[in-house]
Amino acid sequence: MLTLGTTVLGVDDLPRALAFWSAALGYRPRREPDDDWVILDPVSGTGASLALQLGRAQVSLPPRMHLDLYADDQAAEIERLLALGARHIDWDRYPPDADYVILEDTEGNRFCVIDTTMSPGG
């Protein structure tokens, strides 16, 4: 039986990506980063790990994979992420009742910020 382990993002600038994702998620390096690799774990000790790997591949658009980040206060989290260096993605296909906003990190990796207050029972 398999279990999902660490999600790995390709990046061009490892220190910049490390700073962004550490601040964005409240994560810290599991150990001292290598020149081309780092695994980030939640400071709280619980939750999924995120690894950053120096890569030479171009970001494909639209991406085949992305992260969904859950937020109790979506507007505040989006503002905070933008201040950390994230960018809005101009996308004209949001449904009228969208509970998500698409952003990209400092490396062009896209992710969604999901408003958990809009989910059924949320």
Protein backbone atom coordinates (compact mmCIF):
# COMPACT_ATOMS: atom_id res chain seq x y z
CA MET A 1 0.00 0.00 0.00
CA LEU A 2 1.27 3.46 -0.87
CA THR A 3 0.76 6.69 1.01
CA LEU A 4 1.30 10.20 -0.29
CA GLY A 5 4.52 11.61 1.09
CA THR A 6 6.07 14.97 0.29
CA THR A 7 4.91 17.31 -2.46
CA VAL A 8 7.86 18.61 -4.49
CA LEU A 9 7.91 21.94 -6.32
CA GLY A 10 10.50 22.80 -8.93
CA VAL A 11 12.10 26.20 -8.44
CA ASP A 12 14.70 28.42 -10.13
CA ASP A 13 15.81 30.30 -7.01
CA LEU A 14 15.94 28.01 -4.00
CA PRO A 15 16.64 30.68 -1.33
CA ARG A 16 13.80 32.88 -2.62
CA ALA A 17 11.35 29.95 -2.75
CA LEU A 18 12.48 28.77 0.69
CA ALA A 19 11.80 32.22 2.15
CA PHE A 20 8.38 32.47 0.46
CA TRP A 21 7.04 29.02 1.40
CA SER A 22 8.47 29.11 4.93
CA ALA A 23 6.68 32.40 5.60
CA ALA A 24 3.54 31.47 3.66
CA LEU A 25 2.94 28.18 5.48
CA GLY A 26 4.76 28.61 8.79
CA TYR A 27 7.21 25.85 7.82
CA ARG A 28 10.91 25.35 8.52
CA PRO A 29 13.62 23.29 6.88
CA ARG A 30 13.83 19.74 8.19
CA ARG A 31 17.64 20.10 8.04
CA GLU A 32 20.11 22.50 6.48
CA PRO A 33 19.19 23.01 2.79
CA ASP A 34 21.42 21.51 0.11
CA ASP A 35 22.41 23.64 -2.88
CA ASP A 36 19.52 22.16 -4.89
CA TRP A 37 17.06 20.67 -2.38
CA VAL A 38 15.22 21.37 0.86
CA ILE A 39 12.33 19.70 2.68
CA LEU A 40 10.04 21.97 4.69
CA ASP A 41 7.96 20.72 7.61
CA PRO A 42 5.27 22.47 9.63
CA VAL A 43 6.63 24.26 12.69
CA SER A 44 3.68 22.78 14.59
CA GLY A 45 4.94 19.29 13.76
CA THR A 46 1.72 18.16 12.09
CA GLY A 47 0.77 18.38 8.44
CA ALA A 48 2.13 17.64 5.00
CA SER A 49 5.74 18.34 4.04
CA LEU A 50 6.72 20.44 1.05
CA ALA A 51 10.04 20.03 -0.76
CA LEU A 52 11.69 22.52 -3.08
CA GLN A 53 14.01 21.27 -5.79
CA LEU A 54 16.20 23.38 -8.01
CA GLY A 55 15.09 22.60 -11.54
CA ARG A 56 15.78 23.67 -15.05
CA ALA A 57 12.33 22.90 -16.49
CA GLN A 58 10.00 25.69 -17.55
CA VAL A 59 6.66 26.05 -15.78
CA SER A 60 3.96 24.60 -18.03
CA LEU A 61 0.74 26.58 -18.41
CA PRO A 62 -1.81 25.67 -17.55
CA PRO A 63 -0.14 23.54 -14.88
CA ARG A 64 -1.10 19.92 -14.58
CA MET A 65 -0.81 20.06 -10.79
CA HIS A 66 -1.23 22.77 -8.19
CA LEU A 67 -1.59 23.18 -4.43
CA ASP A 68 -4.86 24.00 -2.69
CA LEU A 69 -4.31 26.04 0.46
CA TYR A 70 -7.26 26.33 2.85
CA ALA A 71 -8.03 29.66 4.54
CA ASP A 72 -10.55 30.67 7.18
CA ASP A 73 -9.98 34.31 6.18
CA GLN A 74 -9.30 34.12 2.44
CA ALA A 75 -8.98 37.88 1.85
CA ALA A 76 -6.45 38.32 4.66
CA GLU A 77 -4.41 35.32 3.53
CA ILE A 78 -4.35 36.52 -0.08
CA GLU A 79 -3.17 39.96 1.05
CA ARG A 80 -0.46 38.35 3.21
CA LEU A 81 0.71 36.05 0.39
CA LEU A 82 0.85 38.94 -2.07
CA ALA A 83 2.99 40.88 0.40
CA LEU A 84 5.35 37.87 0.54
CA GLY A 85 5.78 37.95 -3.25
CA ALA A 86 2.89 35.89 -4.64
CA ARG A 87 1.10 37.19 -7.73
CA HIS A 88 -2.55 37.12 -8.83
CA ILE A 89 -3.34 35.03 -11.90
CA ASP A 90 -5.68 36.79 -14.31
CA TRP A 91 -8.14 34.03 -15.19
CA ASP A 92 -11.48 34.66 -16.85
CA ARG A 93 -13.07 31.28 -16.12
CA TYR A 94 -13.94 31.59 -12.43
CA PRO A 95 -17.46 30.28 -11.81
CA PRO A 96 -19.81 32.83 -10.20
CA ASP A 97 -19.73 30.98 -6.87
CA ALA A 98 -15.96 30.28 -6.82
CA ASP A 99 -14.55 29.57 -3.38
CA TYR A 100 -10.95 29.91 -4.62
CA VAL A 101 -8.52 32.47 -5.97
CA ILE A 102 -5.54 31.47 -8.11
CA LEU A 103 -2.11 32.83 -7.21
CA GLU A 104 1.43 31.90 -8.16
CA ASP A 105 4.52 31.81 -5.99
CA THR A 106 7.79 33.62 -6.62
CA GLU A 107 8.79 30.82 -9.02
CA GLY A 108 5.60 30.75 -11.11
CA ASN A 109 4.12 27.67 -9.39
CA ARG A 110 0.37 28.14 -9.17
CA PHE A 111 -1.78 27.48 -6.14
CA CYS A 112 -5.33 28.18 -5.04
CA VAL A 113 -6.40 29.84 -1.83
CA ILE A 114 -9.67 28.17 -0.87
CA ASP A 115 -12.24 29.97 1.29
CA THR A 116 -13.20 27.28 3.80
CA THR A 117 -16.14 29.34 5.07
CA MET A 118 -17.91 28.77 1.74
CA SER A 119 -17.71 24.98 1.85
CA PRO A 120 -20.78 22.96 2.83
CA GLY A 121 -20.87 22.85 6.60
CA GLY A 122 -17.97 25.39 6.77
